[in-house]
Amino acid sequence: LAALALVRSIAHRLGSIDEDRLHAEVRVRVMVSAEGAEASLGSTLARELAFAVHHAVHHNAMIASIAGELGIACPAGFGKAPSTANHERCQARGTGGTTHATEASGTR
């Protein structure tokens, strides 16, 4: 329960970040070789948070795969990338492609 409380606290704090802060430019250092070479890249807090969420989905997919091998069920969609879920939904409807939220709302 302590871990869940911590996750909820972090989610609340992230949800309270104002738009200006989310879109402020930041510098990100990334290691690009096993020898320790680094690159410094421009980004935004919003982009880095989006990357972290996307990467977490990848890890959740690995967890779901391992859990499945152990006979442990995960919630439907756990570890499935939003783009994959979107594609599957479009295939099931017979539209053959993907639908972006902006297309669906007519704002694209």
N, C-alpha and C. Protein backbone atom coordinates (compact mmCIF):
# COMPACT_ATOMS: atom_id res chain seq x y z
N LEU A 1 0.81 -1.20 0.00
CA LEU A 1 0.00 0.00 0.00
C LEU A 1 0.85 1.26 0.00
N ALA A 2 2.03 1.19 0.59
CA ALA A 2 2.91 2.36 0.61
C ALA A 2 3.34 2.73 -0.80
N ALA A 3 3.62 1.72 -1.64
CA ALA A 3 4.03 1.99 -3.02
C ALA A 3 2.90 2.66 -3.79
N LEU A 4 1.67 2.18 -3.59
CA LEU A 4 0.52 2.76 -4.27
C LEU A 4 0.32 4.21 -3.84
N ALA A 5 0.48 4.49 -2.56
CA ALA A 5 0.35 5.86 -2.07
C ALA A 5 1.42 6.75 -2.68
N LEU A 6 2.62 6.24 -2.82
CA LEU A 6 3.70 7.01 -3.42
C LEU A 6 3.41 7.30 -4.90
N VAL A 7 2.94 6.30 -5.62
CA VAL A 7 2.60 6.50 -7.04
C VAL A 7 1.49 7.54 -7.17
N ARG A 8 0.49 7.46 -6.32
CA ARG A 8 -0.60 8.45 -6.36
C ARG A 8 -0.08 9.85 -6.06
N SER A 9 0.84 9.96 -5.11
CA SER A 9 1.43 11.26 -4.77
C SER A 9 2.21 11.83 -5.96
N ILE A 10 3.00 10.99 -6.60
CA ILE A 10 3.77 11.42 -7.77
C ILE A 10 2.82 11.85 -8.89
N ALA A 11 1.78 11.06 -9.13
CA ALA A 11 0.81 11.39 -10.18
C ALA A 11 0.15 12.73 -9.90
N HIS A 12 -0.19 12.98 -8.64
CA HIS A 12 -0.80 14.26 -8.26
C HIS A 12 0.16 15.41 -8.52
N ARG A 13 1.42 15.24 -8.13
CA ARG A 13 2.42 16.29 -8.33
C ARG A 13 2.64 16.55 -9.81
N LEU A 14 2.71 15.49 -10.61
CA LEU A 14 2.90 15.67 -12.05
C LEU A 14 1.69 16.36 -12.67
N GLY A 15 0.50 16.01 -12.19
CA GLY A 15 -0.72 16.62 -12.71
C GLY A 15 -0.87 18.09 -12.38
N SER A 16 -0.11 18.56 -11.41
CA SER A 16 -0.21 19.97 -11.02
C SER A 16 0.84 20.85 -11.68
N ILE A 17 1.66 20.29 -12.56
CA ILE A 17 2.67 21.09 -13.27
C ILE A 17 1.96 21.98 -14.28
N ASP A 18 2.26 23.27 -14.26
CA ASP A 18 1.58 24.18 -15.18
C ASP A 18 2.14 24.07 -16.61
N GLU A 19 1.35 24.52 -17.58
CA GLU A 19 1.69 24.39 -19.00
C GLU A 19 3.03 25.03 -19.35
N ASP A 20 3.31 26.20 -18.80
CA ASP A 20 4.58 26.86 -19.11
C ASP A 20 5.76 26.00 -18.70
N ARG A 21 5.67 25.39 -17.54
CA ARG A 21 6.75 24.53 -17.05
C ARG A 21 6.88 23.29 -17.93
N LEU A 22 5.75 22.72 -18.34
CA LEU A 22 5.79 21.53 -19.18
C LEU A 22 6.50 21.78 -20.51
N HIS A 23 6.33 22.99 -21.04
CA HIS A 23 6.89 23.29 -22.36
C HIS A 23 8.19 24.08 -22.30
N ALA A 24 8.72 24.26 -21.10
CA ALA A 24 10.01 24.94 -20.96
C ALA A 24 11.11 24.04 -21.53
N GLU A 25 12.08 24.65 -22.16
CA GLU A 25 13.19 23.89 -22.73
C GLU A 25 14.11 23.39 -21.62
N VAL A 26 14.58 22.16 -21.79
CA VAL A 26 15.54 21.55 -20.88
C VAL A 26 16.65 20.92 -21.71
N ARG A 27 17.78 20.66 -21.08
CA ARG A 27 18.87 19.93 -21.72
C ARG A 27 18.92 18.55 -21.10
N VAL A 28 19.07 17.55 -21.95
CA VAL A 28 19.11 16.16 -21.50
C VAL A 28 20.44 15.56 -21.94
N ARG A 29 21.14 14.95 -20.99
CA ARG A 29 22.38 14.24 -21.34
C ARG A 29 22.07 12.77 -21.43
N VAL A 30 22.46 12.18 -22.56
CA VAL A 30 22.23 10.75 -22.77
C VAL A 30 23.54 10.06 -23.10
N MET A 31 23.73 8.88 -22.53
CA MET A 31 24.92 8.10 -22.84
C MET A 31 24.67 7.39 -24.16
N VAL A 32 25.60 7.54 -25.09
CA VAL A 32 25.41 7.00 -26.44
C VAL A 32 26.37 5.87 -26.78
N SER A 33 27.25 5.51 -25.84
CA SER A 33 28.14 4.38 -26.09
C SER A 33 28.49 3.70 -24.78
N ALA A 34 28.89 2.46 -24.88
CA ALA A 34 29.29 1.70 -23.69
C ALA A 34 30.56 2.27 -23.08
N GLU A 35 31.29 3.05 -23.85
CA GLU A 35 32.52 3.67 -23.35
C GLU A 35 32.22 4.92 -22.53
N GLY A 36 30.97 5.35 -22.49
CA GLY A 36 30.59 6.50 -21.68
C GLY A 36 30.41 7.80 -22.43
N ALA A 37 30.53 7.79 -23.75
CA ALA A 37 30.32 9.02 -24.52
C ALA A 37 28.89 9.50 -24.31
N GLU A 38 28.74 10.82 -24.18
CA GLU A 38 27.43 11.40 -23.95
C GLU A 38 27.10 12.43 -25.01
N ALA A 39 25.82 12.65 -25.20
CA ALA A 39 25.34 13.73 -26.07
C ALA A 39 24.40 14.59 -25.24
N SER A 40 24.41 15.88 -25.51
CA SER A 40 23.51 16.80 -24.84
C SER A 40 22.45 17.22 -25.86
N LEU A 41 21.18 16.98 -25.51
CA LEU A 41 20.09 17.22 -26.44
C LEU A 41 19.08 18.20 -25.86
N GLY A 42 18.48 18.99 -26.72
CA GLY A 42 17.41 19.88 -26.30
C GLY A 42 16.10 19.11 -26.23
N SER A 43 15.26 19.44 -25.26
CA SER A 43 13.98 18.76 -25.11
C SER A 43 13.07 19.67 -24.30
N THR A 44 11.94 19.13 -23.87
CA THR A 44 11.04 19.81 -22.95
C THR A 44 10.66 18.82 -21.85
N LEU A 45 10.19 19.34 -20.74
CA LEU A 45 9.74 18.46 -19.67
C LEU A 45 8.60 17.57 -20.16
N ALA A 46 7.68 18.13 -20.94
CA ALA A 46 6.56 17.34 -21.47
C ALA A 46 7.05 16.20 -22.33
N ARG A 47 8.01 16.45 -23.19
CA ARG A 47 8.53 15.42 -24.07
C ARG A 47 9.23 14.33 -23.27
N GLU A 48 9.99 14.72 -22.25
CA GLU A 48 10.68 13.73 -21.42
C GLU A 48 9.71 12.90 -20.61
N LEU A 49 8.63 13.52 -20.12
CA LEU A 49 7.62 12.75 -19.39
C LEU A 49 6.90 11.79 -20.34
N ALA A 50 6.62 12.24 -21.56
CA ALA A 50 5.98 11.36 -22.54
C ALA A 50 6.89 10.18 -22.86
N PHE A 51 8.19 10.43 -22.99
CA PHE A 51 9.13 9.35 -23.26
C PHE A 51 9.15 8.36 -22.09
N ALA A 52 9.14 8.88 -20.86
CA ALA A 52 9.16 8.00 -19.69
C ALA A 52 7.92 7.11 -19.64
N VAL A 53 6.76 7.68 -19.96
CA VAL A 53 5.53 6.89 -19.99
C VAL A 53 5.60 5.84 -21.08
N HIS A 54 6.05 6.22 -22.26
CA HIS A 54 6.17 5.28 -23.38
C HIS A 54 7.12 4.14 -23.02
N HIS A 55 8.22 4.48 -22.39
CA HIS A 55 9.19 3.46 -22.00
C HIS A 55 8.62 2.55 -20.91
N ALA A 56 7.84 3.12 -20.00
CA ALA A 56 7.21 2.31 -18.95
C ALA A 56 6.24 1.29 -19.57
N VAL A 57 5.53 1.68 -20.62
CA VAL A 57 4.63 0.75 -21.30
C VAL A 57 5.43 -0.44 -21.82
N HIS A 58 6.61 -0.17 -22.38
CA HIS A 58 7.50 -1.24 -22.86
C HIS A 58 7.85 -2.20 -21.72
N HIS A 59 8.21 -1.65 -20.57
CA HIS A 59 8.54 -2.50 -19.42
C HIS A 59 7.30 -3.27 -18.94
N ASN A 60 6.14 -2.62 -18.96
CA ASN A 60 4.91 -3.31 -18.58
C ASN A 60 4.62 -4.48 -19.51
N ALA A 61 4.95 -4.33 -20.79
CA ALA A 61 4.76 -5.43 -21.74
C ALA A 61 5.65 -6.61 -21.36
N MET A 62 6.87 -6.33 -20.93
CA MET A 62 7.76 -7.40 -20.50
C MET A 62 7.21 -8.08 -19.24
N ILE A 63 6.69 -7.27 -18.31
CA ILE A 63 6.10 -7.82 -17.09
C ILE A 63 4.91 -8.70 -17.45
N ALA A 64 4.05 -8.24 -18.36
CA ALA A 64 2.88 -9.02 -18.77
C ALA A 64 3.29 -10.34 -19.40
N SER A 65 4.34 -10.31 -20.20
CA SER A 65 4.82 -11.53 -20.85
C SER A 65 5.32 -12.53 -19.82
N ILE A 66 6.12 -12.06 -18.88
CA ILE A 66 6.66 -12.94 -17.83
C ILE A 66 5.52 -13.45 -16.95
N ALA A 67 4.60 -12.56 -16.58
CA ALA A 67 3.47 -12.98 -15.75
C ALA A 67 2.66 -14.06 -16.46
N GLY A 68 2.44 -13.87 -17.76
CA GLY A 68 1.70 -14.87 -18.52
C GLY A 68 2.37 -16.23 -18.51
N GLU A 69 3.70 -16.23 -18.62
CA GLU A 69 4.45 -17.49 -18.57
C GLU A 69 4.31 -18.17 -17.21
N LEU A 70 4.07 -17.37 -16.18
CA LEU A 70 3.91 -17.91 -14.83
C LEU A 70 2.45 -18.19 -14.48
N GLY A 71 1.56 -17.98 -15.46
CA GLY A 71 0.15 -18.22 -15.23
C GLY A 71 -0.56 -17.13 -14.46
N ILE A 72 0.04 -15.95 -14.43
CA ILE A 72 -0.55 -14.81 -13.72
C ILE A 72 -1.19 -13.88 -14.75
N ALA A 73 -2.47 -13.62 -14.58
CA ALA A 73 -3.19 -12.75 -15.52
C ALA A 73 -2.95 -11.28 -15.19
N CYS A 74 -2.76 -10.49 -16.21
CA CYS A 74 -2.66 -9.03 -16.08
C CYS A 74 -3.94 -8.42 -16.65
N PRO A 75 -4.25 -7.20 -16.26
CA PRO A 75 -5.44 -6.55 -16.82
C PRO A 75 -5.34 -6.45 -18.35
N ALA A 76 -6.47 -6.51 -19.01
CA ALA A 76 -6.50 -6.38 -20.47
C ALA A 76 -5.82 -5.07 -20.87
N GLY A 77 -4.96 -5.14 -21.85
CA GLY A 77 -4.29 -3.95 -22.34
C GLY A 77 -3.04 -3.56 -21.58
N PHE A 78 -2.75 -4.23 -20.48
CA PHE A 78 -1.55 -3.90 -19.70
C PHE A 78 -0.31 -4.14 -20.55
N GLY A 79 0.49 -3.12 -20.72
CA GLY A 79 1.71 -3.24 -21.51
C GLY A 79 1.50 -3.07 -23.00
N LYS A 80 0.30 -2.73 -23.41
CA LYS A 80 0.03 -2.53 -24.84
C LYS A 80 0.18 -1.05 -25.17
N ALA A 81 1.00 -0.74 -26.15
CA ALA A 81 1.21 0.65 -26.56
C ALA A 81 -0.10 1.23 -27.09
N PRO A 82 -0.37 2.50 -26.79
CA PRO A 82 -1.59 3.13 -27.31
C PRO A 82 -1.72 3.01 -28.83
N SER A 83 -0.61 3.13 -29.54
CA SER A 83 -0.68 3.03 -31.01
C SER A 83 -1.09 1.63 -31.44
N THR A 84 -0.66 0.61 -30.70
CA THR A 84 -1.07 -0.76 -31.02
C THR A 84 -2.55 -0.95 -30.75
N ALA A 85 -3.03 -0.46 -29.62
CA ALA A 85 -4.46 -0.57 -29.30
C ALA A 85 -5.29 0.17 -30.33
N ASN A 86 -4.83 1.34 -30.76
CA ASN A 86 -5.52 2.12 -31.78
C ASN A 86 -5.58 1.34 -33.09
N HIS A 87 -4.46 0.77 -33.49
CA HIS A 87 -4.40 0.00 -34.74
C HIS A 87 -5.34 -1.20 -34.67
N GLU A 88 -5.32 -1.91 -33.57
CA GLU A 88 -6.20 -3.08 -33.42
C GLU A 88 -7.67 -2.68 -33.48
N ARG A 89 -8.01 -1.55 -32.85
CA ARG A 89 -9.39 -1.07 -32.87
C ARG A 89 -9.81 -0.73 -34.30
N CYS A 90 -8.93 -0.07 -35.04
CA CYS A 90 -9.24 0.28 -36.43
C CYS A 90 -9.38 -0.97 -37.30
N GLN A 91 -8.51 -1.95 -37.07
CA GLN A 91 -8.60 -3.20 -37.83
C GLN A 91 -9.92 -3.91 -37.54
N ALA A 92 -10.33 -3.90 -36.29
CA ALA A 92 -11.58 -4.56 -35.91
C ALA A 92 -12.79 -3.86 -36.55
N ARG A 93 -12.69 -2.54 -36.74
CA ARG A 93 -13.78 -1.79 -37.37
C ARG A 93 -13.72 -1.88 -38.89
N GLY A 94 -12.59 -2.40 -39.40
CA GLY A 94 -12.44 -2.52 -40.84
C GLY A 94 -11.99 -1.24 -41.53
N THR A 95 -11.46 -0.27 -40.75
CA THR A 95 -11.00 0.97 -41.37
C THR A 95 -9.60 0.83 -41.93
N GLY A 96 -8.87 -0.21 -41.51
CA GLY A 96 -7.59 -0.52 -42.11
C GLY A 96 -6.42 0.36 -41.71
N GLY A 97 -6.63 1.43 -41.03
CA GLY A 97 -5.53 2.31 -40.64
C GLY A 97 -5.61 2.66 -39.18
N THR A 98 -5.10 3.82 -38.87
CA THR A 98 -5.19 4.31 -37.50
C THR A 98 -5.97 5.60 -37.50
N THR A 99 -6.59 5.89 -36.40
CA THR A 99 -7.32 7.13 -36.24
C THR A 99 -6.66 7.93 -35.14
N HIS A 100 -6.23 9.12 -35.48
CA HIS A 100 -5.63 10.01 -34.49
C HIS A 100 -6.75 10.80 -33.83
N ALA A 101 -6.55 11.14 -32.57
CA ALA A 101 -7.58 11.86 -31.82
C ALA A 101 -7.98 13.14 -32.53
N THR A 102 -7.00 13.83 -33.14
CA THR A 102 -7.32 15.08 -33.82
C THR A 102 -8.17 14.82 -35.06
N GLU A 103 -7.97 13.67 -35.73
CA GLU A 103 -8.80 13.32 -36.88
C GLU A 103 -10.22 12.99 -36.43
N ALA A 104 -10.32 12.25 -35.34
CA ALA A 104 -11.62 11.83 -34.84
C ALA A 104 -12.46 13.03 -34.41
N SER A 105 -11.80 14.06 -33.89
CA SER A 105 -12.53 15.23 -33.42
C SER A 105 -12.71 16.28 -34.50
N GLY A 106 -12.08 16.06 -35.66
CA GLY A 106 -12.19 17.00 -36.77
C GLY A 106 -11.34 18.24 -36.61
N THR A 107 -10.30 18.19 -35.77
CA THR A 107 -9.47 19.38 -35.54
C THR A 107 -8.13 19.31 -36.22
N ARG A 108 -7.90 18.31 -37.02
CA ARG A 108 -6.59 18.16 -37.65
C ARG A 108 -6.35 19.13 -38.76
